[in-house]
Amino acid sequence: MTKIIFCGINGRMGHAVEEIISEKENFEIVAGVDLNTVRRGSYPVYAKINEVSEKADVIIDFSFHAELPSYLEYAKANKLPVIIASTGHTPEETALMHEYSKYIPVFFSRNMSLGINLLIELSKKAAAMLGDDFDIEIIEAHHNKKLDAPSGTALMIADAISETLEDRPEYVYDRTERREARPKNEIGIHAVRAGGIVGEHTVLFGGKNESVSLSHSAFSRSVFALGALRAAEFMVGMPAGFYSMTDLVNDIASV
């Protein structure tokens, strides 16, 4: 039984994880953390993580990124692995994750979907094969309540593609003030916010005589919830270090 402290329990992802856990016997939420302390399950909900006294095996964080320092400090004090699945982190917060990973296992991914991570691997291979002859654009779409733009996943895709290119490209989010032909060394990243779209990402490779598109669509938040739970299982018992979906995918592939 994997016992979980879930940060952001009263948000959309908290609901999705609860629904999945209700059908499984190998997970249990022992405490929730949320500014909204309404209690829906059999476990307590606290406004701050330092109020939690329940024993757990792992922390899963789907909350607002500014709370990250308190979660990392609690995890270090209690020698717990932490799954960071929230988005919008500043460079300073990302650096903090790496600092704490010297003492505890830290798993970070801007997107917990296994399908998205397959899209990333395919995009890297496409970028390496198509080379400088193709322009690269990333289009992402999410619901109208999403706060950050572009999505953390779009940036994750762009970063992965950049690693395969000889020269690191410039990320361009707005061309409205640019009166010039598109330079080669850039990746355009475009955000759409509409209705209840769960998450859609397309990587477009545009050549002179042909184009190639790779796409992923999430139909339900369950894909992110399932990924977070698989990450939780994976991280329990792991040594201190910084882990990502690549480590989880490789572990699954090795079974």
C-alpha atoms as a PDB file:
ATOM      1  CA  MET A   1       0.000   0.000   0.000  1.00  0.00           C
ATOM      2  CA  THR A   2       1.447   3.364  -1.087  1.00  0.00           C
ATOM      3  CA  LYS A   3       0.369   6.099   1.333  1.00  0.00           C
ATOM      4  CA  ILE A   4       0.124   9.558  -0.237  1.00  0.00           C
ATOM      5  CA  ILE A   5       0.063  13.175   0.930  1.00  0.00           C
ATOM      6  CA  PHE A   6      -1.659  14.972  -1.952  1.00  0.00           C
ATOM      7  CA  CYS A   7      -1.055  18.709  -2.404  1.00  0.00           C
ATOM      8  CA  GLY A   8      -3.843  20.445  -4.315  1.00  0.00           C
ATOM      9  CA  ILE A   9      -6.376  17.813  -3.302  1.00  0.00           C
ATOM     10  CA  ASN A  10      -9.443  19.984  -3.941  1.00  0.00           C
ATOM     11  CA  GLY A  11      -8.386  20.917  -7.468  1.00  0.00           C
ATOM     12  CA  ARG A  12      -9.238  19.150 -10.731  1.00  0.00           C
ATOM     13  CA  MET A  13      -6.319  16.735 -10.500  1.00  0.00           C
ATOM     14  CA  GLY A  14      -7.127  15.887  -6.911  1.00  0.00           C
ATOM     15  CA  HIS A  15     -10.597  14.795  -8.013  1.00  0.00           C
ATOM     16  CA  ALA A  16      -9.145  12.722 -10.851  1.00  0.00           C
ATOM     17  CA  VAL A  17      -6.658  10.941  -8.573  1.00  0.00           C
ATOM     18  CA  GLU A  18      -9.340  10.256  -5.962  1.00  0.00           C
ATOM     19  CA  GLU A  19     -11.545   8.654  -8.605  1.00  0.00           C
ATOM     20  CA  ILE A  20      -8.756   6.331  -9.751  1.00  0.00           C
ATOM     21  CA  ILE A  21      -7.683   5.439  -6.208  1.00  0.00           C
ATOM     22  CA  SER A  22     -11.287   4.495  -5.363  1.00  0.00           C
ATOM     23  CA  GLU A  23     -10.917   1.654  -7.877  1.00  0.00           C
ATOM     24  CA  LYS A  24      -7.483   0.502  -6.691  1.00  0.00           C
ATOM     25  CA  GLU A  25      -6.377  -1.214  -3.497  1.00  0.00           C
ATOM     26  CA  ASN A  26      -2.671  -0.362  -3.586  1.00  0.00           C
ATOM     27  CA  PHE A  27      -2.951   3.408  -2.955  1.00  0.00           C
ATOM     28  CA  GLU A  28      -4.287   5.461  -0.065  1.00  0.00           C
ATOM     29  CA  ILE A  29      -4.468   9.230   0.445  1.00  0.00           C
ATOM     30  CA  VAL A  30      -3.665   9.770   4.125  1.00  0.00           C
ATOM     31  CA  ALA A  31      -3.806  13.595   4.030  1.00  0.00           C
ATOM     32  CA  GLY A  32      -4.615  16.395   1.637  1.00  0.00           C
ATOM     33  CA  VAL A  33      -3.176  19.906   1.438  1.00  0.00           C
ATOM     34  CA  ASP A  34      -5.188  22.756  -0.083  1.00  0.00           C
ATOM     35  CA  LEU A  35      -6.125  26.366   0.676  1.00  0.00           C
ATOM     36  CA  ASN A  36      -9.684  25.072   0.343  1.00  0.00           C
ATOM     37  CA  THR A  37      -9.815  22.758   3.368  1.00  0.00           C
ATOM     38  CA  VAL A  38     -13.204  21.214   2.537  1.00  0.00           C
ATOM     39  CA  ARG A  39     -13.013  17.520   3.416  1.00  0.00           C
ATOM     40  CA  ARG A  40     -14.558  15.048   0.960  1.00  0.00           C
ATOM     41  CA  GLY A  41     -12.870  11.774   1.831  1.00  0.00           C
ATOM     42  CA  SER A  42     -11.979   9.965   5.025  1.00  0.00           C
ATOM     43  CA  TYR A  43      -8.657  11.813   5.333  1.00  0.00           C
ATOM     44  CA  PRO A  44      -7.996  15.309   6.780  1.00  0.00           C
ATOM     45  CA  VAL A  45      -7.263  18.343   4.579  1.00  0.00           C
ATOM     46  CA  TYR A  46      -4.807  20.967   5.812  1.00  0.00           C
ATOM     47  CA  ALA A  47      -4.138  24.493   4.574  1.00  0.00           C
ATOM     48  CA  LYS A  48      -0.354  24.058   4.986  1.00  0.00           C
ATOM     49  CA  ILE A  49       1.796  20.955   4.623  1.00  0.00           C
ATOM     50  CA  ASN A  50       3.655  21.620   7.875  1.00  0.00           C
ATOM     51  CA  GLU A  51       0.362  20.893   9.677  1.00  0.00           C
ATOM     52  CA  VAL A  52       0.338  17.290   8.392  1.00  0.00           C
ATOM     53  CA  SER A  53       1.197  14.663  11.037  1.00  0.00           C
ATOM     54  CA  GLU A  54       0.018  11.539   9.187  1.00  0.00           C
ATOM     55  CA  LYS A  55       2.685   9.036   8.116  1.00  0.00           C
ATOM     56  CA  ALA A  56       3.120   8.695   4.354  1.00  0.00           C
ATOM     57  CA  ASP A  57       5.359   7.110   1.727  1.00  0.00           C
ATOM     58  CA  VAL A  58       5.319   9.881  -0.883  1.00  0.00           C
ATOM     59  CA  ILE A  59       4.107  13.421  -1.633  1.00  0.00           C
ATOM     60  CA  ILE A  60       2.292  14.228  -4.893  1.00  0.00           C
ATOM     61  CA  ASP A  61       2.075  17.930  -5.768  1.00  0.00           C
ATOM     62  CA  PHE A  62      -0.486  19.260  -8.245  1.00  0.00           C
ATOM     63  CA  SER A  63      -0.878  22.616  -6.496  1.00  0.00           C
ATOM     64  CA  PHE A  64       0.242  26.193  -7.251  1.00  0.00           C
ATOM     65  CA  HIS A  65       3.973  26.329  -7.929  1.00  0.00           C
ATOM     66  CA  ALA A  66       4.686  29.043  -5.334  1.00  0.00           C
ATOM     67  CA  GLU A  67       4.092  26.508  -2.542  1.00  0.00           C
ATOM     68  CA  LEU A  68       7.007  24.370  -3.737  1.00  0.00           C
ATOM     69  CA  PRO A  69       9.611  25.453  -1.122  1.00  0.00           C
ATOM     70  CA  SER A  70       7.425  24.363   1.808  1.00  0.00           C
ATOM     71  CA  TYR A  71       6.746  20.973   0.183  1.00  0.00           C
ATOM     72  CA  LEU A  72      10.430  20.339  -0.463  1.00  0.00           C
ATOM     73  CA  GLU A  73      11.375  21.325   3.079  1.00  0.00           C
ATOM     74  CA  TYR A  74       8.678  19.027   4.535  1.00  0.00           C
ATOM     75  CA  ALA A  75       9.807  16.174   2.292  1.00  0.00           C
ATOM     76  CA  LYS A  76      13.424  16.640   3.389  1.00  0.00           C
ATOM     77  CA  ALA A  77      12.491  16.785   7.078  1.00  0.00           C
ATOM     78  CA  ASN A  78      10.428  13.602   6.769  1.00  0.00           C
ATOM     79  CA  LYS A  79      12.731  11.817   4.287  1.00  0.00           C
ATOM     80  CA  LEU A  80       9.955  11.460   1.693  1.00  0.00           C
ATOM     81  CA  PRO A  81      10.139  11.324  -2.107  1.00  0.00           C
ATOM     82  CA  VAL A  82       8.143  14.084  -3.802  1.00  0.00           C
ATOM     83  CA  ILE A  83       6.379  14.020  -7.182  1.00  0.00           C
ATOM     84  CA  ILE A  84       6.180  17.562  -8.590  1.00  0.00           C
ATOM     85  CA  ALA A  85       3.494  17.665 -11.285  1.00  0.00           C
ATOM     86  CA  SER A  86       2.541  21.335 -11.023  1.00  0.00           C
ATOM     87  CA  THR A  87       3.586  23.837 -13.716  1.00  0.00           C
ATOM     88  CA  GLY A  88       4.649  27.466 -14.070  1.00  0.00           C
ATOM     89  CA  HIS A  89       7.829  27.182 -11.993  1.00  0.00           C
ATOM     90  CA  THR A  90      10.353  29.989 -12.061  1.00  0.00           C
ATOM     91  CA  PRO A  91      14.028  29.239 -12.844  1.00  0.00           C
ATOM     92  CA  GLU A  92      14.731  29.746  -9.134  1.00  0.00           C
ATOM     93  CA  GLU A  93      12.131  27.131  -8.180  1.00  0.00           C
ATOM     94  CA  THR A  94      13.534  24.662 -10.704  1.00  0.00           C
ATOM     95  CA  ALA A  95      17.000  25.212  -9.257  1.00  0.00           C
ATOM     96  CA  LEU A  96      15.552  24.565  -5.794  1.00  0.00           C
ATOM     97  CA  MET A  97      14.256  21.168  -6.938  1.00  0.00           C
ATOM     98  CA  HIS A  98      17.774  20.224  -8.030  1.00  0.00           C
ATOM     99  CA  GLU A  99      19.224  21.453  -4.744  1.00  0.00           C
ATOM    100  CA  TYR A 100      16.825  19.352  -2.650  1.00  0.00           C
ATOM    101  CA  SER A 101      17.405  16.321  -4.884  1.00  0.00           C
ATOM    102  CA  LYS A 102      20.820  16.052  -3.191  1.00  0.00           C
ATOM    103  CA  TYR A 103      18.971  14.968  -0.038  1.00  0.00           C
ATOM    104  CA  ILE A 104      15.690  13.356  -1.177  1.00  0.00           C
ATOM    105  CA  PRO A 105      14.262  11.727  -4.316  1.00  0.00           C
ATOM    106  CA  VAL A 106      12.635  14.483  -6.438  1.00  0.00           C
ATOM    107  CA  PHE A 107      10.542  13.581  -9.498  1.00  0.00           C
ATOM    108  CA  PHE A 108       9.599  16.471 -11.783  1.00  0.00           C
ATOM    109  CA  SER A 109       7.556  16.499 -14.962  1.00  0.00           C
ATOM    110  CA  ARG A 110       5.447  19.246 -16.475  1.00  0.00           C
ATOM    111  CA  ASN A 111       3.214  16.527 -17.922  1.00  0.00           C
ATOM    112  CA  MET A 112       2.562  13.137 -16.333  1.00  0.00           C
ATOM    113  CA  SER A 113       1.069  11.517 -19.460  1.00  0.00           C
ATOM    114  CA  LEU A 114       3.008   8.579 -20.906  1.00  0.00           C
ATOM    115  CA  GLY A 115       1.583   9.487 -24.333  1.00  0.00           C
ATOM    116  CA  ILE A 116       3.018  13.003 -24.195  1.00  0.00           C
ATOM    117  CA  ASN A 117       6.416  11.604 -23.360  1.00  0.00           C
ATOM    118  CA  LEU A 118       6.179   9.323 -26.385  1.00  0.00           C
ATOM    119  CA  LEU A 119       5.350  12.432 -28.468  1.00  0.00           C
ATOM    120  CA  ILE A 120       8.496  14.080 -27.117  1.00  0.00           C
ATOM    121  CA  GLU A 121      10.698  11.146 -28.085  1.00  0.00           C
ATOM    122  CA  LEU A 122       9.187  11.070 -31.590  1.00  0.00           C
ATOM    123  CA  SER A 123       9.649  14.839 -31.940  1.00  0.00           C
ATOM    124  CA  LYS A 124      13.316  14.568 -31.015  1.00  0.00           C
ATOM    125  CA  LYS A 125      13.835  11.884 -33.649  1.00  0.00           C
ATOM    126  CA  ALA A 126      11.967  13.940 -36.252  1.00  0.00           C
ATOM    127  CA  ALA A 127      14.025  17.060 -35.488  1.00  0.00           C
ATOM    128  CA  ALA A 128      17.269  15.110 -35.779  1.00  0.00           C
ATOM    129  CA  MET A 129      16.212  13.557 -39.094  1.00  0.00           C
ATOM    130  CA  LEU A 130      14.638  16.616 -40.754  1.00  0.00           C
ATOM    131  CA  GLY A 131      17.404  18.989 -39.673  1.00  0.00           C
ATOM    132  CA  ASP A 132      17.596  22.626 -40.799  1.00  0.00           C
ATOM    133  CA  ASP A 133      15.319  22.105 -43.814  1.00  0.00           C
ATOM    134  CA  PHE A 134      12.160  22.245 -41.674  1.00  0.00           C
ATOM    135  CA  ASP A 135      10.764  25.005 -39.465  1.00  0.00           C
ATOM    136  CA  ILE A 136       9.383  23.895 -36.086  1.00  0.00           C
ATOM    137  CA  GLU A 137       6.196  25.224 -34.523  1.00  0.00           C
ATOM    138  CA  ILE A 138       4.413  23.994 -31.372  1.00  0.00           C
ATOM    139  CA  ILE A 139       0.687  24.609 -30.871  1.00  0.00           C
ATOM    140  CA  GLU A 140      -0.977  23.837 -27.547  1.00  0.00           C
ATOM    141  CA  ALA A 141      -4.618  24.165 -26.458  1.00  0.00           C
ATOM    142  CA  HIS A 142      -6.116  24.025 -22.968  1.00  0.00           C
ATOM    143  CA  HIS A 143      -9.255  24.991 -21.045  1.00  0.00           C
ATOM    144  CA  ASN A 144     -10.044  28.636 -20.371  1.00  0.00           C
ATOM    145  CA  LYS A 145      -9.232  28.352 -16.644  1.00  0.00           C
ATOM    146  CA  LYS A 146      -5.544  27.496 -17.173  1.00  0.00           C
ATOM    147  CA  LEU A 147      -3.366  30.232 -15.689  1.00  0.00           C
ATOM    148  CA  ASP A 148       0.003  29.820 -17.426  1.00  0.00           C
ATOM    149  CA  ALA A 149       0.759  30.192 -21.133  1.00  0.00           C
ATOM    150  CA  PRO A 150       2.402  28.620 -22.944  1.00  0.00           C
ATOM    151  CA  SER A 151       1.839  25.339 -21.165  1.00  0.00           C
ATOM    152  CA  GLY A 152       4.639  23.711 -19.255  1.00  0.00           C
ATOM    153  CA  THR A 153       4.284  20.748 -21.600  1.00  0.00           C
ATOM    154  CA  ALA A 154       4.863  22.920 -24.683  1.00  0.00           C
ATOM    155  CA  LEU A 155       8.063  24.211 -23.105  1.00  0.00           C
ATOM    156  CA  MET A 156       9.069  20.661 -22.186  1.00  0.00           C
ATOM    157  CA  ILE A 157       8.626  19.612 -25.831  1.00  0.00           C
ATOM    158  CA  ALA A 158      10.591  22.649 -27.049  1.00  0.00           C
ATOM    159  CA  ASP A 159      13.434  21.980 -24.596  1.00  0.00           C
ATOM    160  CA  ALA A 160      13.655  18.329 -25.669  1.00  0.00           C
ATOM    161  CA  ILE A 161      13.783  19.263 -29.365  1.00  0.00           C
ATOM    162  CA  SER A 162      16.390  21.958 -28.663  1.00  0.00           C
ATOM    163  CA  GLU A 163      18.707  19.337 -27.192  1.00  0.00           C
ATOM    164  CA  THR A 164      18.842  17.563 -30.561  1.00  0.00           C
ATOM    165  CA  LEU A 165      19.666  20.708 -32.591  1.00  0.00           C
ATOM    166  CA  GLU A 166      23.182  21.942 -33.241  1.00  0.00           C
ATOM    167  CA  ASP A 167      22.338  25.521 -32.226  1.00  0.00           C
ATOM    168  CA  ARG A 168      19.859  26.247 -29.443  1.00  0.00           C
ATOM    169  CA  PRO A 169      16.856  28.000 -31.040  1.00  0.00           C
ATOM    170  CA  GLU A 170      15.059  31.099 -29.831  1.00  0.00           C
ATOM    171  CA  TYR A 171      11.541  30.506 -28.491  1.00  0.00           C
ATOM    172  CA  VAL A 172       9.109  32.967 -30.087  1.00  0.00           C
ATOM    173  CA  TYR A 173       5.682  33.467 -28.483  1.00  0.00           C
ATOM    174  CA  ASP A 174       4.427  36.545 -30.345  1.00  0.00           C
ATOM    175  CA  ARG A 175       5.176  37.702 -33.896  1.00  0.00           C
ATOM    176  CA  THR A 176       2.731  40.613 -34.010  1.00  0.00           C
ATOM    177  CA  GLU A 177       5.517  43.197 -33.738  1.00  0.00           C
ATOM    178  CA  ARG A 178       7.945  41.420 -36.038  1.00  0.00           C
ATOM    179  CA  ARG A 179       7.947  42.690 -39.625  1.00  0.00           C
ATOM    180  CA  GLU A 180      10.435  40.211 -41.049  1.00  0.00           C
ATOM    181  CA  ALA A 181      10.708  36.790 -42.608  1.00  0.00           C
ATOM    182  CA  ARG A 182      10.838  33.934 -40.146  1.00  0.00           C
ATOM    183  CA  PRO A 183      14.470  33.171 -39.154  1.00  0.00           C
ATOM    184  CA  LYS A 184      15.568  29.545 -39.225  1.00  0.00           C
ATOM    185  CA  ASN A 185      16.868  29.370 -35.685  1.00  0.00           C
ATOM    186  CA  GLU A 186      13.617  29.611 -33.765  1.00  0.00           C
ATOM    187  CA  ILE A 187      10.716  27.533 -32.470  1.00  0.00           C
ATOM    188  CA  GLY A 188       7.317  29.217 -32.499  1.00  0.00           C
ATOM    189  CA  ILE A 189       5.134  28.345 -29.492  1.00  0.00           C
ATOM    190  CA  HIS A 190       1.421  29.182 -29.615  1.00  0.00           C
ATOM    191  CA  ALA A 191      -1.216  28.941 -26.876  1.00  0.00           C
ATOM    192  CA  VAL A 192      -4.982  28.482 -27.289  1.00  0.00           C
ATOM    193  CA  ARG A 193      -7.355  28.812 -24.309  1.00  0.00           C
ATOM    194  CA  ALA A 194     -10.944  27.753 -24.954  1.00  0.00           C
ATOM    195  CA  GLY A 195     -13.792  25.968 -23.248  1.00  0.00           C
ATOM    196  CA  GLY A 196     -12.986  22.752 -21.424  1.00  0.00           C
ATOM    197  CA  ILE A 197     -10.100  21.428 -23.550  1.00  0.00           C
ATOM    198  CA  VAL A 198      -8.106  19.069 -21.316  1.00  0.00           C
ATOM    199  CA  GLY A 199      -4.866  19.287 -23.275  1.00  0.00           C
ATOM    200  CA  GLU A 200      -3.774  19.158 -26.922  1.00  0.00           C
ATOM    201  CA  HIS A 201      -0.227  19.492 -28.265  1.00  0.00           C
ATOM    202  CA  THR A 202       0.930  19.476 -31.882  1.00  0.00           C
ATOM    203  CA  VAL A 203       4.488  19.715 -33.172  1.00  0.00           C
ATOM    204  CA  LEU A 204       4.576  20.953 -36.773  1.00  0.00           C
ATOM    205  CA  PHE A 205       7.649  20.475 -38.951  1.00  0.00           C
ATOM    206  CA  GLY A 206       7.214  22.685 -42.028  1.00  0.00           C
ATOM    207  CA  GLY A 207       9.419  22.119 -45.065  1.00  0.00           C
ATOM    208  CA  LYS A 208       9.434  23.726 -48.502  1.00  0.00           C
ATOM    209  CA  ASN A 209       7.498  20.933 -50.198  1.00  0.00           C
ATOM    210  CA  GLU A 210       5.962  18.971 -47.321  1.00  0.00           C
ATOM    211  CA  SER A 211       5.085  19.141 -43.660  1.00  0.00           C
ATOM    212  CA  VAL A 212       4.984  16.619 -40.828  1.00  0.00           C
ATOM    213  CA  SER A 213       2.730  16.909 -37.745  1.00  0.00           C
ATOM    214  CA  LEU A 214       2.896  14.948 -34.505  1.00  0.00           C
ATOM    215  CA  SER A 215      -0.034  15.347 -32.103  1.00  0.00           C
ATOM    216  CA  HIS A 216      -1.290  14.208 -28.728  1.00  0.00           C
ATOM    217  CA  SER A 217      -4.747  14.807 -27.227  1.00  0.00           C
ATOM    218  CA  ALA A 218      -5.768  14.102 -23.636  1.00  0.00           C
ATOM    219  CA  PHE A 219      -9.466  13.251 -23.379  1.00  0.00           C
ATOM    220  CA  SER A 220      -9.497  13.099 -19.587  1.00  0.00           C
ATOM    221  CA  ARG A 221      -7.348  14.218 -16.668  1.00  0.00           C
ATOM    222  CA  SER A 222      -7.167  10.548 -15.748  1.00  0.00           C
ATOM    223  CA  VAL A 223      -4.078  10.188 -17.975  1.00  0.00           C
ATOM    224  CA  PHE A 224      -2.179  12.650 -15.749  1.00  0.00           C
ATOM    225  CA  ALA A 225      -3.536  11.055 -12.571  1.00  0.00           C
ATOM    226  CA  LEU A 226      -2.454   7.580 -13.682  1.00  0.00           C
ATOM    227  CA  GLY A 227       1.001   8.865 -14.569  1.00  0.00           C
ATOM    228  CA  ALA A 228       1.378  10.503 -11.149  1.00  0.00           C
ATOM    229  CA  LEU A 229       0.398   7.301  -9.357  1.00  0.00           C
ATOM    230  CA  ARG A 230       2.838   5.242 -11.431  1.00  0.00           C
ATOM    231  CA  ALA A 231       5.518   7.792 -10.593  1.00  0.00           C
ATOM    232  CA  ALA A 232       4.640   7.486  -6.889  1.00  0.00           C
ATOM    233  CA  GLU A 233       5.086   3.705  -6.996  1.00  0.00           C
ATOM    234  CA  PHE A 234       8.358   4.131  -8.876  1.00  0.00           C
ATOM    235  CA  MET A 235       9.806   6.656  -6.425  1.00  0.00           C
ATOM    236  CA  VAL A 236       9.130   4.874  -3.136  1.00  0.00           C
ATOM    237  CA  GLY A 237      12.445   3.482  -1.962  1.00  0.00           C
ATOM    238  CA  MET A 238      14.545   5.320  -4.560  1.00  0.00           C
ATOM    239  CA  PRO A 239      17.779   7.037  -3.462  1.00  0.00           C
ATOM    240  CA  ALA A 240      18.142  10.818  -3.417  1.00  0.00           C
ATOM    241  CA  GLY A 241      18.358  12.263  -6.898  1.00  0.00           C
ATOM    242  CA  PHE A 242      16.506  14.107  -9.635  1.00  0.00           C
ATOM    243  CA  TYR A 243      14.115  11.954 -11.683  1.00  0.00           C
ATOM    244  CA  SER A 244      11.845  12.552 -14.686  1.00  0.00           C
ATOM    245  CA  MET A 245       9.337  10.772 -16.906  1.00  0.00           C
ATOM    246  CA  THR A 246      12.249   9.468 -18.961  1.00  0.00           C
ATOM    247  CA  ASP A 247      13.358   7.425 -15.926  1.00  0.00           C
ATOM    248  CA  LEU A 248       9.824   6.119 -15.403  1.00  0.00           C
ATOM    249  CA  VAL A 249       9.338   5.245 -19.076  1.00  0.00           C
ATOM    250  CA  ASN A 250      12.680   3.419 -19.161  1.00  0.00           C
ATOM    251  CA  ASP A 251      11.725   1.520 -16.020  1.00  0.00           C
ATOM    252  CA  ILE A 252       8.416   0.450 -17.556  1.00  0.00           C
ATOM    253  CA  ALA A 253      10.147  -0.568 -20.798  1.00  0.00           C
ATOM    254  CA  SER A 254      12.650  -2.709 -18.888  1.00  0.00           C
ATOM    255  CA  VAL A 255       9.953  -4.838 -17.229  1.00  0.00           C
END
